[in-house]
Protein backbone atom coordinates (compact mmCIF):
# COMPACT_ATOMS: atom_id res chain seq x y z
CA MET A 1 92.67 91.99 135.67
CA ALA A 2 92.02 87.98 135.94
CA ALA A 3 90.32 89.31 139.44
CA ASP A 4 88.14 91.80 138.16
CA VAL A 5 86.41 89.07 135.63
CA LYS A 6 83.60 87.46 136.46
CA LYS A 7 82.49 85.38 133.59
CA ILE A 8 83.59 85.03 130.12
CA VAL A 9 81.76 84.13 126.86
CA LEU A 10 84.32 82.50 124.18
CA ALA A 11 83.67 82.22 120.43
CA TYR A 12 84.22 78.64 120.30
CA SER A 13 84.36 76.39 117.39
CA GLY A 14 85.90 73.20 118.82
CA GLY A 15 89.19 73.22 117.00
CA LEU A 16 92.47 73.50 117.98
CA ASP A 17 92.91 77.34 118.98
CA THR A 18 89.70 77.41 120.83
CA SER A 19 89.70 74.54 122.60
CA VAL A 20 93.57 75.02 124.03
CA ILE A 21 91.93 78.88 124.89
CA LEU A 22 89.10 77.28 126.89
CA LYS A 23 91.12 75.30 129.16
CA TRP A 24 93.74 78.36 129.42
CA LEU A 25 90.99 80.70 130.30
CA GLU A 26 89.72 78.30 132.63
CA GLU A 27 93.04 78.01 134.31
CA GLU A 28 94.08 81.68 134.29
CA TYR A 29 90.96 83.39 135.32
CA GLN A 30 89.08 80.92 137.42
CA CYS A 31 85.63 81.93 136.51
CA PRO A 32 82.95 80.34 134.41
CA ILE A 33 83.58 80.27 131.15
CA VAL A 34 80.21 79.90 128.52
CA ALA A 35 81.64 78.24 124.88
CA PHE A 36 79.69 80.12 122.64
CA ALA A 37 79.28 78.30 118.82
CA ALA A 38 77.79 80.03 115.98
CA ASP A 39 76.46 77.58 113.29
CA VAL A 40 77.16 79.86 110.10
CA GLY A 41 76.86 76.70 107.53
CA GLN A 42 80.03 75.11 108.30
CA GLU A 43 79.96 71.36 108.31
CA GLU A 44 80.16 70.16 112.10
CA ASP A 45 78.38 67.64 114.51
CA TRP A 46 77.17 70.20 116.94
CA GLU A 47 76.57 67.57 119.59
CA ALA A 48 80.28 66.64 119.38
CA VAL A 49 81.05 70.29 119.46
CA ARG A 50 79.07 70.70 122.52
CA ALA A 51 80.26 67.42 124.23
CA LYS A 52 83.93 68.68 123.90
CA GLY A 53 83.59 72.07 125.31
CA MET A 54 81.81 70.37 128.10
CA ALA A 55 84.49 68.06 128.66
CA THR A 56 87.05 71.14 128.09
CA GLY A 57 85.68 73.24 131.12
CA ALA A 58 82.95 75.08 130.10
CA GLU A 59 79.97 75.72 132.17
CA LYS A 60 77.45 75.92 129.43
CA VAL A 61 77.75 75.32 125.38
CA VAL A 62 75.64 77.84 123.61
CA ILE A 63 75.11 77.07 119.71
CA SER A 64 73.38 79.69 117.56
CA ASP A 65 71.87 78.95 114.53
CA LEU A 66 72.54 82.10 112.10
CA ARG A 67 72.84 80.45 108.79
CA GLU A 68 69.29 82.23 107.26
CA GLU A 69 70.66 85.26 109.02
CA PHE A 70 73.93 85.12 107.61
CA VAL A 71 73.19 84.83 104.24
CA ARG A 72 70.13 86.86 104.30
CA ASP A 73 71.84 90.13 106.35
CA TYR A 74 75.71 89.81 105.34
CA VAL A 75 76.20 87.89 102.30
CA PHE A 76 73.45 89.13 100.03
CA PRO A 77 73.96 92.77 100.86
CA ALA A 78 77.57 92.37 100.13
CA PHE A 79 76.60 90.60 96.50
CA ARG A 80 74.14 93.34 96.09
CA ALA A 81 77.60 95.52 96.16
CA ASN A 82 79.62 93.11 94.02
CA ALA A 83 81.97 93.04 96.98
CA ILE A 84 85.47 91.64 96.06
CA TYR A 85 88.93 92.34 97.59
CA GLU A 86 92.09 93.16 95.79
CA GLY A 87 90.31 91.64 92.74
CA SER A 88 89.60 88.40 93.77
CA TYR A 89 88.60 87.55 97.32
CA LEU A 90 84.69 87.47 97.83
CA LEU A 91 85.35 88.15 101.60
CA GLY A 92 84.08 84.91 103.21
CA THR A 93 85.49 84.89 106.14
CA SER A 94 85.29 89.07 106.62
CA LEU A 95 81.25 88.65 106.41
CA ALA A 96 81.15 85.78 109.00
CA ARG A 97 82.90 87.59 111.39
CA PRO A 98 80.57 90.93 112.59
CA ILE A 99 77.30 88.11 112.73
CA ILE A 100 79.14 85.83 115.02
CA ALA A 101 80.51 88.56 117.16
CA LYS A 102 77.03 90.39 117.20
CA GLU A 103 75.64 87.34 118.55
CA GLN A 104 78.42 86.60 121.18
CA VAL A 105 77.35 89.91 122.42
CA ARG A 106 73.88 89.00 122.76
CA VAL A 107 74.92 85.68 124.23
CA ALA A 108 77.08 87.57 126.88
CA ALA A 109 73.96 89.87 127.97
CA ALA A 110 71.67 86.96 128.16
CA GLU A 111 74.47 84.96 130.51
CA ASN A 112 75.26 88.19 132.50
CA ALA A 113 79.06 87.74 131.53
CA ASP A 114 80.99 90.86 131.91
CA ALA A 115 83.98 89.61 129.47
CA VAL A 116 84.30 88.12 125.72
CA SER A 117 87.23 85.98 124.45
CA HIS A 118 88.35 85.35 120.78
CA GLY A 119 90.85 82.73 119.37
CA ALA A 120 92.04 85.06 116.68
CA THR A 121 96.03 85.61 116.49
CA GLY A 122 97.87 88.54 116.86
CA LYS A 123 98.84 88.60 113.39
CA GLY A 124 95.75 88.43 111.34
CA ASN A 125 92.54 90.43 110.57
CA ASP A 126 90.04 88.61 112.42
CA GLN A 127 91.19 90.34 116.24
CA VAL A 128 90.10 93.22 114.71
CA ARG A 129 86.86 92.32 113.18
CA PHE A 130 85.75 90.64 116.27
CA GLU A 131 87.09 93.77 118.77
CA LEU A 132 85.70 96.54 116.42
CA THR A 133 82.18 94.57 116.72
CA TYR A 134 82.29 94.13 120.60
CA LEU A 135 83.80 97.69 120.69
CA ALA A 136 81.20 98.97 118.48
CA LEU A 137 77.91 96.61 120.17
CA ASN A 138 78.97 97.09 123.87
CA PRO A 139 82.00 98.61 124.59
CA GLN A 140 81.41 97.89 128.40
CA LEU A 141 82.70 94.04 127.58
CA ALA A 142 86.40 93.18 128.61
CA ILE A 143 87.80 91.68 125.99
CA ILE A 144 90.38 88.77 126.61
CA ALA A 145 93.01 87.81 123.41
CA PRO A 146 95.23 85.16 124.57
CA TRP A 147 97.15 85.14 121.38
CA ARG A 148 98.47 88.47 122.25
CA THR A 149 99.22 87.86 126.10
CA TRP A 150 100.31 83.95 126.27
CA ASP A 151 103.43 82.30 125.47
CA LEU A 152 102.04 79.49 123.47
CA ASN A 153 102.80 81.76 120.35
CA SER A 154 103.27 78.59 117.75
CA ARG A 155 100.94 75.97 116.12
CA THR A 156 103.71 73.09 117.50
CA LYS A 157 103.23 74.49 121.44
CA LEU A 158 99.26 74.87 120.89
CA ILE A 159 99.53 70.65 119.71
CA ALA A 160 101.88 69.88 123.05
CA TYR A 161 99.29 71.59 125.26
CA ALA A 162 96.05 69.97 124.07
CA GLU A 163 97.67 66.68 124.12
CA LYS A 164 99.22 67.41 127.80
CA HIS A 165 95.68 68.24 128.65
CA GLY A 166 93.74 65.39 126.84
CA ILE A 167 92.15 67.68 124.71
CA PRO A 168 91.39 66.34 121.30
CA ILE A 169 92.68 68.17 117.96
CA PRO A 170 91.64 68.13 114.27
CA VAL A 171 95.23 68.89 112.95
CA THR A 172 98.83 67.12 113.34
CA LYS A 173 102.03 68.27 112.86
CA GLU A 174 102.17 66.80 109.64
CA LYS A 175 99.08 68.44 108.39
CA PRO A 176 98.62 71.49 110.42
CA TYR A 177 96.23 73.65 108.13
CA SER A 178 93.99 76.16 109.58
CA SER A 179 90.69 76.39 107.63
CA ASP A 180 87.49 78.38 108.35
CA GLU A 181 84.47 77.48 106.83
CA ASN A 182 80.62 78.78 106.65
CA LEU A 183 77.94 78.58 103.58
CA LEU A 184 79.78 81.12 101.56
CA HIS A 185 83.20 79.48 101.46
CA ILE A 186 86.12 77.49 102.87
CA SER A 187 89.59 79.12 103.46
CA PHE A 188 92.87 77.20 103.92
CA GLU A 189 96.24 78.55 105.36
CA GLY A 190 99.21 77.41 107.00
CA GLY A 191 101.34 74.53 106.72
CA LEU A 192 102.91 74.07 103.46
CA LEU A 193 100.87 77.05 102.39
CA GLU A 194 102.77 79.37 103.56
CA ASP A 195 105.37 78.96 101.06
CA PRO A 196 103.68 80.66 98.36
CA TRP A 197 105.64 78.91 95.78
CA ASN A 198 103.98 75.66 96.61
CA GLU A 199 101.08 74.29 94.70
CA PRO A 200 97.99 73.49 97.27
CA GLU A 201 97.38 69.62 97.45
CA GLU A 202 94.35 68.06 95.71
CA ALA A 203 93.27 66.27 99.00
CA MET A 204 93.00 69.39 101.04
CA PHE A 205 90.16 70.95 99.04
CA LYS A 206 86.50 70.24 100.50
CA LEU A 207 83.88 72.02 98.44
CA SER A 208 84.94 71.36 95.01
CA VAL A 209 86.24 68.90 92.50
CA SER A 210 89.12 69.92 90.22
CA PRO A 211 88.33 71.64 87.14
CA GLU A 212 90.12 68.81 85.17
CA ASN A 213 87.89 65.73 87.08
CA ALA A 214 84.63 68.11 86.26
CA PRO A 215 82.08 66.75 84.06
CA ASP A 216 82.50 66.71 80.25
CA ARG A 217 79.24 68.16 79.72
CA PRO A 218 78.39 71.50 80.98
CA THR A 219 75.68 72.35 82.96
CA TYR A 220 72.91 75.03 82.50
CA ILE A 221 71.13 77.04 85.26
CA GLU A 222 68.98 80.22 85.15
CA LEU A 223 68.93 82.47 88.20
CA GLU A 224 66.20 84.63 89.05
CA PHE A 225 66.94 88.36 90.73
CA GLN A 226 64.92 90.59 92.78
CA ASN A 227 66.29 93.96 93.80
CA GLY A 228 69.55 92.42 93.28
CA ASN A 229 69.02 89.32 95.61
CA PRO A 230 68.86 85.59 94.07
CA VAL A 231 65.32 84.33 94.53
CA THR A 232 64.99 81.36 92.29
CA ILE A 233 67.15 78.72 90.58
CA ASP A 234 65.29 77.05 87.80
CA GLY A 235 62.03 78.67 88.58
CA GLU A 236 62.48 77.23 92.04
CA ALA A 237 61.75 79.56 94.85
CA LEU A 238 64.64 78.91 97.87
CA SER A 239 65.61 80.52 101.32
CA PRO A 240 68.68 82.87 101.21
CA ALA A 241 70.71 79.61 103.10
CA LYS A 242 69.09 77.15 100.70
CA MET A 243 69.95 79.30 97.45
CA LEU A 244 73.43 79.36 98.73
CA ALA A 245 73.73 76.01 99.40
CA ARG A 246 72.41 74.92 96.52
CA LEU A 247 74.61 77.19 94.14
CA ASN A 248 77.60 75.72 96.53
CA LYS A 249 76.44 72.45 95.23
CA LEU A 250 76.49 73.40 91.52
CA GLY A 251 79.48 75.24 91.91
CA GLY A 252 81.98 72.55 93.36
CA GLU A 253 80.62 69.70 91.08
CA ASN A 254 81.84 72.05 88.35
CA GLY A 255 85.34 72.91 89.64
CA ILE A 256 84.05 76.47 89.84
CA GLY A 257 85.12 78.72 92.50
CA ARG A 258 88.74 77.80 93.89
CA LEU A 259 91.21 80.73 94.41
CA ASP A 260 94.82 80.84 95.39
CA MET A 261 96.02 84.31 96.16
CA VAL A 262 98.39 86.52 98.08
CA GLU A 263 96.47 89.00 99.90
CA ASN A 264 97.19 92.20 102.41
CA ARG A 265 96.14 91.73 105.42
CA PHE A 266 95.08 94.79 107.57
CA VAL A 267 97.87 94.77 110.30
CA GLY A 268 100.11 95.20 107.25
CA MET A 269 101.81 91.83 106.16
CA LYS A 270 100.85 89.81 103.10
CA SER A 271 99.48 86.47 103.93
CA ARG A 272 98.78 83.58 101.44
CA GLY A 273 95.47 81.83 101.39
CA VAL A 274 93.39 79.15 99.21
CA TYR A 275 90.14 79.58 99.07
CA GLU A 276 86.83 77.77 97.64
CA THR A 277 83.97 79.83 97.04
CA PRO A 278 81.87 77.73 94.45
CA GLY A 279 78.41 79.36 94.99
CA GLY A 280 79.47 82.95 95.52
CA THR A 281 81.39 82.62 92.36
CA ILE A 282 78.35 81.92 90.35
CA LEU A 283 76.28 84.17 92.50
CA ARG A 284 78.80 87.53 91.08
CA ALA A 285 79.00 86.69 87.82
CA ALA A 286 75.20 86.27 87.62
CA HIS A 287 74.45 89.67 89.20
CA ARG A 288 77.33 91.49 87.33
CA ASP A 289 75.91 90.43 84.46
CA LEU A 290 72.26 91.28 85.01
CA GLU A 291 73.17 94.93 86.03
CA THR A 292 74.81 95.42 82.27
CA ILE A 293 70.88 95.29 80.95
CA THR A 294 69.43 96.97 84.29
CA LEU A 295 71.71 99.51 85.39
CA ASP A 296 72.17 102.88 83.85
CA ARG A 297 75.62 103.57 82.47
CA GLU A 298 76.84 106.41 84.85
CA VAL A 299 74.95 104.90 87.78
CA LEU A 300 77.08 101.55 87.27
CA LYS A 301 80.35 103.76 87.11
CA ILE A 302 79.46 105.67 90.59
CA ARG A 303 78.68 102.23 91.97
CA ASP A 304 81.59 100.56 91.05
CA SER A 305 83.90 103.35 91.84
CA LEU A 306 82.76 102.88 95.37
CA VAL A 307 83.33 98.99 95.34
CA PRO A 308 86.67 98.81 96.46
CA ARG A 309 86.24 100.99 99.59
CA TYR A 310 82.82 98.96 100.41
CA SER A 311 85.11 96.09 100.41
CA GLU A 312 87.84 96.96 102.10
CA LEU A 313 85.50 98.27 105.25
CA ILE A 314 84.14 94.50 105.12
CA TYR A 315 87.61 92.81 104.94
CA ASN A 316 89.33 95.24 107.66
CA GLY A 317 86.04 94.73 110.02
CA PHE A 318 83.89 98.14 110.28
CA TRP A 319 80.86 96.33 109.24
CA PHE A 320 79.05 98.45 112.13
CA SER A 321 80.57 101.73 111.12
CA PRO A 322 78.65 104.97 110.20
CA GLU A 323 80.54 104.54 106.86
CA MET A 324 79.54 101.25 106.09
CA LYS A 325 75.41 101.85 106.85
CA ILE A 326 75.96 104.75 104.01
CA MET A 327 77.40 102.82 101.54
CA GLN A 328 75.11 100.24 102.03
CA ARG A 329 72.46 102.40 101.70
CA THR A 330 73.70 103.67 98.53
CA MET A 331 74.33 100.40 96.80
CA ASP A 332 71.30 99.18 97.57
CA ASP A 333 69.31 101.94 96.13
CA CYS A 334 71.38 100.63 92.99
CA GLN A 335 69.36 97.72 93.00
CA GLU A 336 65.61 98.75 92.85
CA THR A 337 65.97 98.09 89.38
CA VAL A 338 67.97 94.79 89.32
CA ASN A 339 65.22 92.70 88.60
CA GLY A 340 65.28 89.38 85.76
CA VAL A 341 66.83 86.56 84.79
CA VAL A 342 70.46 85.17 83.98
CA ARG A 343 71.39 81.60 82.11
CA LEU A 344 74.63 80.16 82.77
CA LYS A 345 76.71 77.91 81.86
CA LEU A 346 78.80 75.94 84.26
CA TYR A 347 81.57 73.79 83.29
CA LYS A 348 84.85 72.84 84.09
CA GLY A 349 86.03 75.51 86.17
CA ASN A 350 84.10 78.50 84.22
CA CYS A 351 80.81 80.20 85.06
CA MET A 352 79.76 82.06 81.94
CA PRO A 353 76.72 84.25 81.84
CA VAL A 354 75.01 82.79 78.41
CA GLY A 355 71.36 84.58 78.52
CA ARG A 356 70.02 87.65 80.20
CA LYS A 357 66.51 89.11 80.26
CA ALA A 358 64.62 91.34 82.09
CA GLU A 359 61.01 93.32 81.91
CA ARG A 360 62.46 96.93 82.23
CA SER A 361 65.63 96.01 79.94
CA LEU A 362 67.64 99.03 79.04
CA TYR A 363 69.05 97.43 76.48
CA GLN A 364 66.66 98.02 73.27
CA GLU A 365 67.68 95.88 70.31
CA SER A 366 65.41 98.26 68.13
CA PHE A 367 68.06 100.98 69.19
CA ALA A 368 71.42 98.04 69.01
CA THR A 369 70.73 96.18 65.70
CA PHE A 370 73.03 96.24 62.47
CA GLU A 371 69.53 95.82 60.58
CA GLU A 372 67.79 98.68 59.17
CA ASP A 373 65.95 100.85 61.87
CA GLU A 374 63.83 103.73 62.49
CA VAL A 375 64.96 105.03 65.76
CA TYR A 376 68.45 106.16 65.36
CA THR A 377 69.72 108.60 62.90
CA GLN A 378 73.42 107.90 62.06
CA ALA A 379 73.89 110.80 60.65
CA ASP A 380 73.76 112.31 64.13
CA ALA A 381 77.07 110.74 65.39
CA GLY A 382 79.40 113.22 63.30
CA GLY A 383 78.36 116.41 65.54
CA PHE A 384 78.67 113.70 68.75
CA ILE A 385 82.06 112.90 67.75
CA ARG A 386 83.46 116.22 66.61
CA LEU A 387 82.02 118.05 70.06
CA ASN A 388 83.67 115.28 71.86
CA ALA A 389 87.03 116.07 70.04
CA LEU A 390 86.61 119.72 70.37
CA ARG A 391 89.09 119.85 73.26
CA LEU A 392 91.71 117.40 71.22
CA THR A 393 91.40 119.58 67.88
CA ILE A 394 92.20 122.62 70.11
CA GLN A 395 95.25 121.08 71.72
CA ALA A 396 96.33 120.09 68.63
CA LEU A 397 96.18 123.13 67.05
CA VAL A 398 98.11 124.80 69.86
CA GLU A 399 100.97 122.34 69.82
CA LYS A 400 101.15 123.42 65.83
CA GLN A 401 101.35 126.69 66.81
CA LYS A 402 104.42 126.04 69.25
CA GLY A 403 106.03 123.53 66.66
């Protein structure tokens, strides 16, 4: 296998796992390694990443700025569908993997590489997400997943390997958190978090203040949507990436978007993760609220019935599947009327819609008012109720006859 591989493109972050993998691939395969890093909005010194990759053994380091594409073509489509996994998780890592893997396949073609590699473990979801994308876009590429073949099967062994080869690492044995960051969120796993009874340490959080330490006065914002996408904040038009960055700042300052959950991984085990998704939490709350006045009741029911399956497809790595394309078209068809403005109150971890308006609002005060009106005949409700109760009435008569 090693002799057959001529050139490898590694999905590289400069963290512990991929730094060790870069050196291991060089020793194991004796071929050129291209270290590919994707900028999806994580806070990173990219020149340091480039220098570290070259120093660790890469023939070349390719860094792709995917921030706008990530938010425009992955985050926003998912939020148009109100995607959420197991009722809580806003799919921050899940949404970043397909765009990273897609770009990695492109880089492999540009560099004439015949293999791709990643740092996902054999226990997690990311191995599935990366490899389903590779196979969907270029099944001819060889796939190298070191975590499934080598004997460096623990964080402790990885740290020892890095120390032996002089590779600087961003984690320690005392605080071995594994984190993943992009414009949508940051996640934390491992270390003391592996015991689901342990409360996360406050010092761990990066994107948000604790609700207790958030300002004592609320922040009000107005978020405008067109076809289900946010386009302005307080009247200011922003690009997708800048929009999400602004929402992250506003949410983080007000202690919004923290999540601590135990989720079901695709491979079958349960996993504890802690997430910060400040901007996404605001965006989802506003979008759902605007839909209450812009979507028909029955359309909303059908769309909401599809959300669990849609979210599961993203979580499990099937972004480029035919069923996902059909689901996305359906979700987007529902968004043609989702145009309007939502006013939100941000306060100590809470994101509360407090006003909404739309030119084509289905909410009509003349029908809903408790005051006198000329458009609704209340007496009609009697027949409506009797017709809807007909089956219940028949059931009661039958049971009375039996009794």
